[in-house]
mmCIF file of all heavy atoms, coordinates in Angstrom:
data_MODEL
# 
_entry.id   MODEL 
# 
loop_
_atom_site.group_PDB 
_atom_site.id 
_atom_site.type_symbol 
_atom_site.label_atom_id 
_atom_site.label_alt_id 
_atom_site.label_comp_id 
_atom_site.label_asym_id 
_atom_site.label_entity_id 
_atom_site.label_seq_id 
_atom_site.pdbx_PDB_ins_code 
_atom_site.Cartn_x 
_atom_site.Cartn_y 
_atom_site.Cartn_z 
_atom_site.occupancy 
_atom_site.B_iso_or_equiv 
_atom_site.pdbx_formal_charge 
_atom_site.auth_seq_id 
_atom_site.auth_comp_id 
_atom_site.auth_asym_id 
_atom_site.auth_atom_id 
_atom_site.pdbx_PDB_model_num 
ATOM 1   N N   . PHE A 1 1  ? 26.220 -41.656 -6.891 1.00 0.00 ? 1  PHE A N   1 
ATOM 2   C CA  . PHE A 1 1  ? 25.200 -42.123 -5.925 1.00 0.00 ? 1  PHE A CA  1 
ATOM 3   C C   . PHE A 1 1  ? 25.464 -43.510 -5.428 1.00 0.00 ? 1  PHE A C   1 
ATOM 4   O O   . PHE A 1 1  ? 24.938 -43.935 -4.395 1.00 0.00 ? 1  PHE A O   1 
ATOM 5   C CB  . PHE A 1 1  ? 23.806 -42.038 -6.586 1.00 0.00 ? 1  PHE A CB  1 
ATOM 6   C CG  . PHE A 1 1  ? 23.409 -40.642 -6.954 1.00 0.00 ? 1  PHE A CG  1 
ATOM 7   C CD1 . PHE A 1 1  ? 23.550 -40.237 -8.286 1.00 0.00 ? 1  PHE A CD1 1 
ATOM 8   C CD2 . PHE A 1 1  ? 22.958 -39.760 -6.012 1.00 0.00 ? 1  PHE A CD2 1 
ATOM 9   C CE1 . PHE A 1 1  ? 23.224 -38.940 -8.648 1.00 0.00 ? 1  PHE A CE1 1 
ATOM 10  C CE2 . PHE A 1 1  ? 22.610 -38.461 -6.377 1.00 0.00 ? 1  PHE A CE2 1 
ATOM 11  C CZ  . PHE A 1 1  ? 22.742 -38.040 -7.702 1.00 0.00 ? 1  PHE A CZ  1 
ATOM 12  N N   . LEU A 1 2  ? 26.278 -44.299 -6.171 1.00 0.00 ? 2  LEU A N   1 
ATOM 13  C CA  . LEU A 1 2  ? 26.542 -45.672 -5.793 1.00 0.00 ? 2  LEU A CA  1 
ATOM 14  C C   . LEU A 1 2  ? 27.723 -45.846 -4.879 1.00 0.00 ? 2  LEU A C   1 
ATOM 15  O O   . LEU A 1 2  ? 27.884 -46.897 -4.273 1.00 0.00 ? 2  LEU A O   1 
ATOM 16  C CB  . LEU A 1 2  ? 26.777 -46.536 -7.067 1.00 0.00 ? 2  LEU A CB  1 
ATOM 17  C CG  . LEU A 1 2  ? 25.601 -46.679 -7.997 1.00 0.00 ? 2  LEU A CG  1 
ATOM 18  C CD1 . LEU A 1 2  ? 25.999 -47.528 -9.218 1.00 0.00 ? 2  LEU A CD1 1 
ATOM 19  C CD2 . LEU A 1 2  ? 24.422 -47.294 -7.300 1.00 0.00 ? 2  LEU A CD2 1 
ATOM 20  N N   . ILE A 1 3  ? 28.610 -44.853 -4.770 1.00 0.00 ? 3  ILE A N   1 
ATOM 21  C CA  . ILE A 1 3  ? 29.847 -44.978 -3.975 1.00 0.00 ? 3  ILE A CA  1 
ATOM 22  C C   . ILE A 1 3  ? 29.537 -45.343 -2.502 1.00 0.00 ? 3  ILE A C   1 
ATOM 23  O O   . ILE A 1 3  ? 30.181 -46.258 -1.974 1.00 0.00 ? 3  ILE A O   1 
ATOM 24  C CB  . ILE A 1 3  ? 30.702 -43.701 -4.096 1.00 0.00 ? 3  ILE A CB  1 
ATOM 25  C CG1 . ILE A 1 3  ? 31.393 -43.735 -5.469 1.00 0.00 ? 3  ILE A CG1 1 
ATOM 26  C CG2 . ILE A 1 3  ? 31.762 -43.654 -3.004 1.00 0.00 ? 3  ILE A CG2 1 
ATOM 27  C CD1 . ILE A 1 3  ? 32.168 -42.494 -5.789 1.00 0.00 ? 3  ILE A CD1 1 
ATOM 28  N N   . PRO A 1 4  ? 28.569 -44.709 -1.831 1.00 0.00 ? 4  PRO A N   1 
ATOM 29  C CA  . PRO A 1 4  ? 28.333 -45.141 -0.439 1.00 0.00 ? 4  PRO A CA  1 
ATOM 30  C C   . PRO A 1 4  ? 27.965 -46.628 -0.304 1.00 0.00 ? 4  PRO A C   1 
ATOM 31  O O   . PRO A 1 4  ? 28.426 -47.305 0.595  1.00 0.00 ? 4  PRO A O   1 
ATOM 32  C CB  . PRO A 1 4  ? 27.182 -44.240 0.009  1.00 0.00 ? 4  PRO A CB  1 
ATOM 33  C CG  . PRO A 1 4  ? 27.264 -43.055 -0.850 1.00 0.00 ? 4  PRO A CG  1 
ATOM 34  C CD  . PRO A 1 4  ? 27.759 -43.542 -2.199 1.00 0.00 ? 4  PRO A CD  1 
ATOM 35  N N   . GLY A 1 5  ? 27.160 -47.135 -1.220 1.00 0.00 ? 5  GLY A N   1 
ATOM 36  C CA  . GLY A 1 5  ? 26.810 -48.538 -1.207 1.00 0.00 ? 5  GLY A CA  1 
ATOM 37  C C   . GLY A 1 5  ? 27.984 -49.436 -1.491 1.00 0.00 ? 5  GLY A C   1 
ATOM 38  O O   . GLY A 1 5  ? 28.118 -50.529 -0.894 1.00 0.00 ? 5  GLY A O   1 
ATOM 39  N N   . MET A 1 6  ? 28.880 -49.005 -2.388 1.00 0.00 ? 6  MET A N   1 
ATOM 40  C CA  . MET A 1 6  ? 30.082 -49.796 -2.684 1.00 0.00 ? 6  MET A CA  1 
ATOM 41  C C   . MET A 1 6  ? 30.995 -49.858 -1.469 1.00 0.00 ? 6  MET A C   1 
ATOM 42  O O   . MET A 1 6  ? 31.567 -50.896 -1.171 1.00 0.00 ? 6  MET A O   1 
ATOM 43  C CB  . MET A 1 6  ? 30.801 -49.242 -3.896 1.00 0.00 ? 6  MET A CB  1 
ATOM 44  C CG  . MET A 1 6  ? 30.123 -49.518 -5.201 1.00 0.00 ? 6  MET A CG  1 
ATOM 45  S SD  . MET A 1 6  ? 31.148 -49.083 -6.631 1.00 0.00 ? 6  MET A SD  1 
ATOM 46  C CE  . MET A 1 6  ? 30.576 -47.434 -6.979 1.00 0.00 ? 6  MET A CE  1 
ATOM 47  N N   . VAL A 1 7  ? 31.129 -48.747 -0.751 1.00 0.00 ? 7  VAL A N   1 
ATOM 48  C CA  . VAL A 1 7  ? 31.943 -48.715 0.445  1.00 0.00 ? 7  VAL A CA  1 
ATOM 49  C C   . VAL A 1 7  ? 31.319 -49.624 1.516  1.00 0.00 ? 7  VAL A C   1 
ATOM 50  O O   . VAL A 1 7  ? 32.037 -50.411 2.142  1.00 0.00 ? 7  VAL A O   1 
ATOM 51  C CB  . VAL A 1 7  ? 32.112 -47.269 0.992  1.00 0.00 ? 7  VAL A CB  1 
ATOM 52  C CG1 . VAL A 1 7  ? 32.720 -47.262 2.361  1.00 0.00 ? 7  VAL A CG1 1 
ATOM 53  C CG2 . VAL A 1 7  ? 32.901 -46.427 0.023  1.00 0.00 ? 7  VAL A CG2 1 
ATOM 54  N N   . GLN A 1 8  ? 29.994 -49.579 1.681  1.00 0.00 ? 8  GLN A N   1 
ATOM 55  C CA  . GLN A 1 8  ? 29.347 -50.446 2.659  1.00 0.00 ? 8  GLN A CA  1 
ATOM 56  C C   . GLN A 1 8  ? 29.472 -51.909 2.272  1.00 0.00 ? 8  GLN A C   1 
ATOM 57  O O   . GLN A 1 8  ? 29.703 -52.738 3.151  1.00 0.00 ? 8  GLN A O   1 
ATOM 58  C CB  . GLN A 1 8  ? 27.868 -50.063 2.764  1.00 0.00 ? 8  GLN A CB  1 
ATOM 59  C CG  . GLN A 1 8  ? 27.145 -50.813 3.865  1.00 0.00 ? 8  GLN A CG  1 
ATOM 60  C CD  . GLN A 1 8  ? 27.748 -50.520 5.255  1.00 0.00 ? 8  GLN A CD  1 
ATOM 61  O OE1 . GLN A 1 8  ? 28.027 -49.374 5.597  1.00 0.00 ? 8  GLN A OE1 1 
ATOM 62  N NE2 . GLN A 1 8  ? 27.959 -51.545 6.024  1.00 0.00 ? 8  GLN A NE2 1 
ATOM 63  N N   . SER A 1 9  ? 29.363 -52.231 1.025  1.00 0.00 ? 9  SER A N   1 
ATOM 64  C CA  . SER A 1 9  ? 29.561 -53.610 0.558  1.00 0.00 ? 9  SER A CA  1 
ATOM 65  C C   . SER A 1 9  ? 30.960 -54.121 0.879  1.00 0.00 ? 9  SER A C   1 
ATOM 66  O O   . SER A 1 9  ? 31.157 -55.272 1.257  1.00 0.00 ? 9  SER A O   1 
ATOM 67  C CB  . SER A 1 9  ? 29.294 -53.743 -0.947 1.00 0.00 ? 9  SER A CB  1 
ATOM 68  O OG  . SER A 1 9  ? 27.979 -53.490 -1.229 1.00 0.00 ? 9  SER A OG  1 
ATOM 69  N N   . SER A 1 10 ? 31.910 -53.247 0.694  1.00 0.00 ? 10 SER A N   1 
ATOM 70  C CA  . SER A 1 10 ? 33.323 -53.593 1.005  1.00 0.00 ? 10 SER A CA  1 
ATOM 71  C C   . SER A 1 10 ? 33.494 -53.900 2.478  1.00 0.00 ? 10 SER A C   1 
ATOM 72  O O   . SER A 1 10 ? 34.109 -54.893 2.889  1.00 0.00 ? 10 SER A O   1 
ATOM 73  C CB  . SER A 1 10 ? 34.240 -52.447 0.612  1.00 0.00 ? 10 SER A CB  1 
ATOM 74  O OG  . SER A 1 10 ? 35.553 -52.652 1.041  1.00 0.00 ? 10 SER A OG  1 
ATOM 75  N N   . LYS A 1 11 ? 32.825 -53.061 3.338  1.00 0.00 ? 11 LYS A N   1 
ATOM 76  C CA  . LYS A 1 11 ? 32.882 -53.299 4.787  1.00 0.00 ? 11 LYS A CA  1 
ATOM 77  C C   . LYS A 1 11 ? 32.170 -54.612 5.171  1.00 0.00 ? 11 LYS A C   1 
ATOM 78  O O   . LYS A 1 11 ? 32.677 -55.364 5.997  1.00 0.00 ? 11 LYS A O   1 
ATOM 79  C CB  . LYS A 1 11 ? 32.211 -52.147 5.539  1.00 0.00 ? 11 LYS A CB  1 
ATOM 80  C CG  . LYS A 1 11 ? 33.013 -50.880 5.561  1.00 0.00 ? 11 LYS A CG  1 
ATOM 81  C CD  . LYS A 1 11 ? 32.238 -49.804 6.328  1.00 0.00 ? 11 LYS A CD  1 
ATOM 82  C CE  . LYS A 1 11 ? 32.978 -48.496 6.346  1.00 0.00 ? 11 LYS A CE  1 
ATOM 83  N NZ  . LYS A 1 11 ? 32.211 -47.474 7.060  1.00 0.00 ? 11 LYS A NZ  1 
ATOM 84  N N   . ASP A 1 12 ? 30.999 -54.889 4.574  1.00 0.00 ? 12 ASP A N   1 
ATOM 85  C CA  . ASP A 1 12 ? 30.274 -56.089 4.862  1.00 0.00 ? 12 ASP A CA  1 
ATOM 86  C C   . ASP A 1 12 ? 31.061 -57.327 4.474  1.00 0.00 ? 12 ASP A C   1 
ATOM 87  O O   . ASP A 1 12 ? 31.069 -58.324 5.187  1.00 0.00 ? 12 ASP A O   1 
ATOM 88  C CB  . ASP A 1 12 ? 28.918 -56.090 4.165  1.00 0.00 ? 12 ASP A CB  1 
ATOM 89  C CG  . ASP A 1 12 ? 27.967 -55.044 4.716  1.00 0.00 ? 12 ASP A CG  1 
ATOM 90  O OD1 . ASP A 1 12 ? 28.207 -54.573 5.833  1.00 0.00 ? 12 ASP A OD1 1 
ATOM 91  O OD2 . ASP A 1 12 ? 26.968 -54.742 4.000  1.00 0.00 ? 12 ASP A OD2 1 
ATOM 92  N N   . GLU A 1 13 ? 31.740 -57.264 3.309  1.00 0.00 ? 13 GLU A N   1 
ATOM 93  C CA  . GLU A 1 13 ? 32.534 -58.391 2.875  1.00 0.00 ? 13 GLU A CA  1 
ATOM 94  C C   . GLU A 1 13 ? 33.705 -58.633 3.786  1.00 0.00 ? 13 GLU A C   1 
ATOM 95  O O   . GLU A 1 13 ? 34.000 -59.768 4.159  1.00 0.00 ? 13 GLU A O   1 
ATOM 96  C CB  . GLU A 1 13 ? 33.020 -58.165 1.423  1.00 0.00 ? 13 GLU A CB  1 
ATOM 97  C CG  . GLU A 1 13 ? 33.882 -59.234 0.912  1.00 0.00 ? 13 GLU A CG  1 
ATOM 98  C CD  . GLU A 1 13 ? 33.220 -60.622 0.771  1.00 0.00 ? 13 GLU A CD  1 
ATOM 99  O OE1 . GLU A 1 13 ? 31.968 -60.635 0.715  1.00 0.00 ? 13 GLU A OE1 1 
ATOM 100 O OE2 . GLU A 1 13 ? 33.933 -61.632 0.747  1.00 0.00 ? 13 GLU A OE2 1 
ATOM 101 N N   . MET A 1 14 ? 34.363 -57.565 4.231  1.00 0.00 ? 14 MET A N   1 
ATOM 102 C CA  . MET A 1 14 ? 35.479 -57.706 5.147  1.00 0.00 ? 14 MET A CA  1 
ATOM 103 C C   . MET A 1 14 ? 34.996 -58.280 6.509  1.00 0.00 ? 14 MET A C   1 
ATOM 104 O O   . MET A 1 14 ? 35.651 -59.175 7.069  1.00 0.00 ? 14 MET A O   1 
ATOM 105 C CB  . MET A 1 14 ? 36.125 -56.326 5.397  1.00 0.00 ? 14 MET A CB  1 
ATOM 106 C CG  . MET A 1 14 ? 37.372 -56.357 6.225  1.00 0.00 ? 14 MET A CG  1 
ATOM 107 S SD  . MET A 1 14 ? 38.037 -54.731 6.601  1.00 0.00 ? 14 MET A SD  1 
ATOM 108 C CE  . MET A 1 14 ? 38.139 -54.005 4.991  1.00 0.00 ? 14 MET A CE  1 
ATOM 109 N N   . ARG A 1 15 ? 33.866 -57.796 6.985  1.00 0.00 ? 15 ARG A N   1 
ATOM 110 C CA  . ARG A 1 15 ? 33.286 -58.299 8.222  1.00 0.00 ? 15 ARG A CA  1 
ATOM 111 C C   . ARG A 1 15 ? 32.922 -59.771 8.101  1.00 0.00 ? 15 ARG A C   1 
ATOM 112 O O   . ARG A 1 15 ? 33.248 -60.556 9.017  1.00 0.00 ? 15 ARG A O   1 
ATOM 113 C CB  . ARG A 1 15 ? 32.036 -57.483 8.520  1.00 0.00 ? 15 ARG A CB  1 
ATOM 114 C CG  . ARG A 1 15 ? 31.426 -57.724 9.880  1.00 0.00 ? 15 ARG A CG  1 
ATOM 115 C CD  . ARG A 1 15 ? 30.265 -56.777 10.147 1.00 0.00 ? 15 ARG A CD  1 
ATOM 116 N NE  . ARG A 1 15 ? 30.688 -55.386 10.309 1.00 0.00 ? 15 ARG A NE  1 
ATOM 117 C CZ  . ARG A 1 15 ? 30.347 -54.373 9.526  1.00 0.00 ? 15 ARG A CZ  1 
ATOM 118 N NH1 . ARG A 1 15 ? 29.546 -54.585 8.511  1.00 0.00 ? 15 ARG A NH1 1 
ATOM 119 N NH2 . ARG A 1 15 ? 30.775 -53.172 9.739  1.00 0.00 ? 15 ARG A NH2 1 
ATOM 120 N N   . ARG A 1 16 ? 32.370 -60.160 6.989  1.00 0.00 ? 16 ARG A N   1 
ATOM 121 C CA  . ARG A 1 16 ? 32.019 -61.577 6.756  1.00 0.00 ? 16 ARG A CA  1 
ATOM 122 C C   . ARG A 1 16 ? 33.251 -62.457 6.734  1.00 0.00 ? 16 ARG A C   1 
ATOM 123 O O   . ARG A 1 16 ? 33.300 -63.511 7.378  1.00 0.00 ? 16 ARG A O   1 
ATOM 124 C CB  . ARG A 1 16 ? 31.270 -61.716 5.410  1.00 0.00 ? 16 ARG A CB  1 
ATOM 125 C CG  . ARG A 1 16 ? 30.766 -63.146 5.187  1.00 0.00 ? 16 ARG A CG  1 
ATOM 126 C CD  . ARG A 1 16 ? 30.318 -63.374 3.763  1.00 0.00 ? 16 ARG A CD  1 
ATOM 127 N NE  . ARG A 1 16 ? 31.349 -63.238 2.799  1.00 0.00 ? 16 ARG A NE  1 
ATOM 128 C CZ  . ARG A 1 16 ? 32.306 -64.160 2.583  1.00 0.00 ? 16 ARG A CZ  1 
ATOM 129 N NH1 . ARG A 1 16 ? 32.336 -65.271 3.250  1.00 0.00 ? 16 ARG A NH1 1 
ATOM 130 N NH2 . ARG A 1 16 ? 33.244 -63.980 1.633  1.00 0.00 ? 16 ARG A NH2 1 
ATOM 131 N N   . GLN A 1 17 ? 34.288 -62.016 6.038  1.00 0.00 ? 17 GLN A N   1 
ATOM 132 C CA  . GLN A 1 17 ? 35.539 -62.801 5.966  1.00 0.00 ? 17 GLN A CA  1 
ATOM 133 C C   . GLN A 1 17 ? 36.200 -62.927 7.344  1.00 0.00 ? 17 GLN A C   1 
ATOM 134 O O   . GLN A 1 17 ? 36.682 -63.999 7.730  1.00 0.00 ? 17 GLN A O   1 
ATOM 135 C CB  . GLN A 1 17 ? 36.489 -62.204 4.961  1.00 0.00 ? 17 GLN A CB  1 
ATOM 136 C CG  . GLN A 1 17 ? 36.093 -62.418 3.547  1.00 0.00 ? 17 GLN A CG  1 
ATOM 137 C CD  . GLN A 1 17 ? 37.041 -61.724 2.584  1.00 0.00 ? 17 GLN A CD  1 
ATOM 138 O OE1 . GLN A 1 17 ? 37.923 -60.983 2.948  1.00 0.00 ? 17 GLN A OE1 1 
ATOM 139 N NE2 . GLN A 1 17 ? 36.869 -62.030 1.297  1.00 0.00 ? 17 GLN A NE2 1 
ATOM 140 N N   . LEU A 1 18 ? 36.211 -61.854 8.077  1.00 0.00 ? 18 LEU A N   1 
ATOM 141 C CA  . LEU A 1 18 ? 36.848 -61.903 9.426  1.00 0.00 ? 18 LEU A CA  1 
ATOM 142 C C   . LEU A 1 18 ? 36.068 -62.815 10.369 1.00 0.00 ? 18 LEU A C   1 
ATOM 143 O O   . LEU A 1 18 ? 36.655 -63.585 11.107 1.00 0.00 ? 18 LEU A O   1 
ATOM 144 C CB  . LEU A 1 18 ? 36.947 -60.495 9.976  1.00 0.00 ? 18 LEU A CB  1 
ATOM 145 C CG  . LEU A 1 18 ? 37.980 -59.583 9.338  1.00 0.00 ? 18 LEU A CG  1 
ATOM 146 C CD1 . LEU A 1 18 ? 37.850 -58.161 9.854  1.00 0.00 ? 18 LEU A CD1 1 
ATOM 147 C CD2 . LEU A 1 18 ? 39.384 -60.094 9.542  1.00 0.00 ? 18 LEU A CD2 1 
ATOM 148 N N   . ALA A 1 19 ? 34.740 -62.737 10.312 1.00 0.00 ? 19 ALA A N   1 
ATOM 149 C CA  . ALA A 1 19 ? 33.938 -63.582 11.177 1.00 0.00 ? 19 ALA A CA  1 
ATOM 150 C C   . ALA A 1 19 ? 34.046 -65.047 10.773 1.00 0.00 ? 19 ALA A C   1 
ATOM 151 O O   . ALA A 1 19 ? 34.115 -65.932 11.643 1.00 0.00 ? 19 ALA A O   1 
ATOM 152 C CB  . ALA A 1 19 ? 32.466 -63.154 11.123 1.00 0.00 ? 19 ALA A CB  1 
ATOM 153 N N   . GLN A 1 20 ? 34.130 -65.310 9.502  1.00 0.00 ? 20 GLN A N   1 
ATOM 154 C CA  . GLN A 1 20 ? 34.209 -66.679 9.014  1.00 0.00 ? 20 GLN A CA  1 
ATOM 155 C C   . GLN A 1 20 ? 35.569 -67.309 9.335  1.00 0.00 ? 20 GLN A C   1 
ATOM 156 O O   . GLN A 1 20 ? 35.642 -68.428 9.754  1.00 0.00 ? 20 GLN A O   1 
ATOM 157 C CB  . GLN A 1 20 ? 33.942 -66.720 7.504  1.00 0.00 ? 20 GLN A CB  1 
ATOM 158 C CG  . GLN A 1 20 ? 33.821 -68.102 6.938  1.00 0.00 ? 20 GLN A CG  1 
ATOM 159 C CD  . GLN A 1 20 ? 33.487 -68.060 5.465  1.00 0.00 ? 20 GLN A CD  1 
ATOM 160 O OE1 . GLN A 1 20 ? 33.881 -67.143 4.744  1.00 0.00 ? 20 GLN A OE1 1 
ATOM 161 N NE2 . GLN A 1 20 ? 32.687 -68.992 5.002  1.00 0.00 ? 20 GLN A NE2 1 
ATOM 162 N N   . ASN A 1 21 ? 36.619 -66.553 9.078  1.00 0.00 ? 21 ASN A N   1 
ATOM 163 C CA  . ASN A 1 21 ? 37.980 -67.063 9.245  1.00 0.00 ? 21 ASN A CA  1 
ATOM 164 C C   . ASN A 1 21 ? 38.475 -66.953 10.699 1.00 0.00 ? 21 ASN A C   1 
ATOM 165 O O   . ASN A 1 21 ? 39.462 -67.557 11.044 1.00 0.00 ? 21 ASN A O   1 
ATOM 166 C CB  . ASN A 1 21 ? 38.948 -66.354 8.347  1.00 0.00 ? 21 ASN A CB  1 
ATOM 167 C CG  . ASN A 1 21 ? 38.635 -66.548 6.893  1.00 0.00 ? 21 ASN A CG  1 
ATOM 168 O OD1 . ASN A 1 21 ? 38.044 -67.538 6.520  1.00 0.00 ? 21 ASN A OD1 1 
ATOM 169 N ND2 . ASN A 1 21 ? 39.014 -65.618 6.046  1.00 0.00 ? 21 ASN A ND2 1 
ATOM 170 N N   . GLY A 1 22 ? 37.779 -66.148 11.459 1.00 0.00 ? 22 GLY A N   1 
ATOM 171 C CA  . GLY A 1 22 ? 38.226 -65.932 12.834 1.00 0.00 ? 22 GLY A CA  1 
ATOM 172 C C   . GLY A 1 22 ? 39.539 -65.190 12.882 1.00 0.00 ? 22 GLY A C   1 
ATOM 173 O O   . GLY A 1 22 ? 40.245 -65.186 13.894 1.00 0.00 ? 22 GLY A O   1 
ATOM 174 N N   . ALA A 1 23 ? 39.893 -64.544 11.775 1.00 0.00 ? 23 ALA A N   1 
ATOM 175 C CA  . ALA A 1 23 ? 41.164 -63.770 11.704 1.00 0.00 ? 23 ALA A CA  1 
ATOM 176 C C   . ALA A 1 23 ? 40.959 -62.391 12.252 1.00 0.00 ? 23 ALA A C   1 
ATOM 177 O O   . ALA A 1 23 ? 40.573 -61.472 11.548 1.00 0.00 ? 23 ALA A O   1 
ATOM 178 C CB  . ALA A 1 23 ? 41.623 -63.724 10.240 1.00 0.00 ? 23 ALA A CB  1 
ATOM 179 N N   . VAL A 1 24 ? 41.179 -62.284 13.536 1.00 0.00 ? 24 VAL A N   1 
ATOM 180 C CA  . VAL A 1 24 ? 40.993 -61.008 14.200 1.00 0.00 ? 24 VAL A CA  1 
ATOM 181 C C   . VAL A 1 24 ? 42.296 -60.508 14.610 1.00 0.00 ? 24 VAL A C   1 
ATOM 182 O O   . VAL A 1 24 ? 43.143 -60.032 14.562 1.00 0.00 ? 24 VAL A O   1 
ATOM 183 C CB  . VAL A 1 24 ? 40.090 -61.091 15.430 1.00 0.00 ? 24 VAL A CB  1 
ATOM 184 C CG1 . VAL A 1 24 ? 39.859 -59.740 16.052 1.00 0.00 ? 24 VAL A CG1 1 
ATOM 185 C CG2 . VAL A 1 24 ? 38.794 -61.741 15.091 1.00 0.00 ? 24 VAL A CG2 1 
# 
């Protein structure tokens, strides 16, 4: 039951890092 949330957390972290670093 936790796997979907873990996948979403992974996406959110990646999105945060990309937005912060400007590494697009």
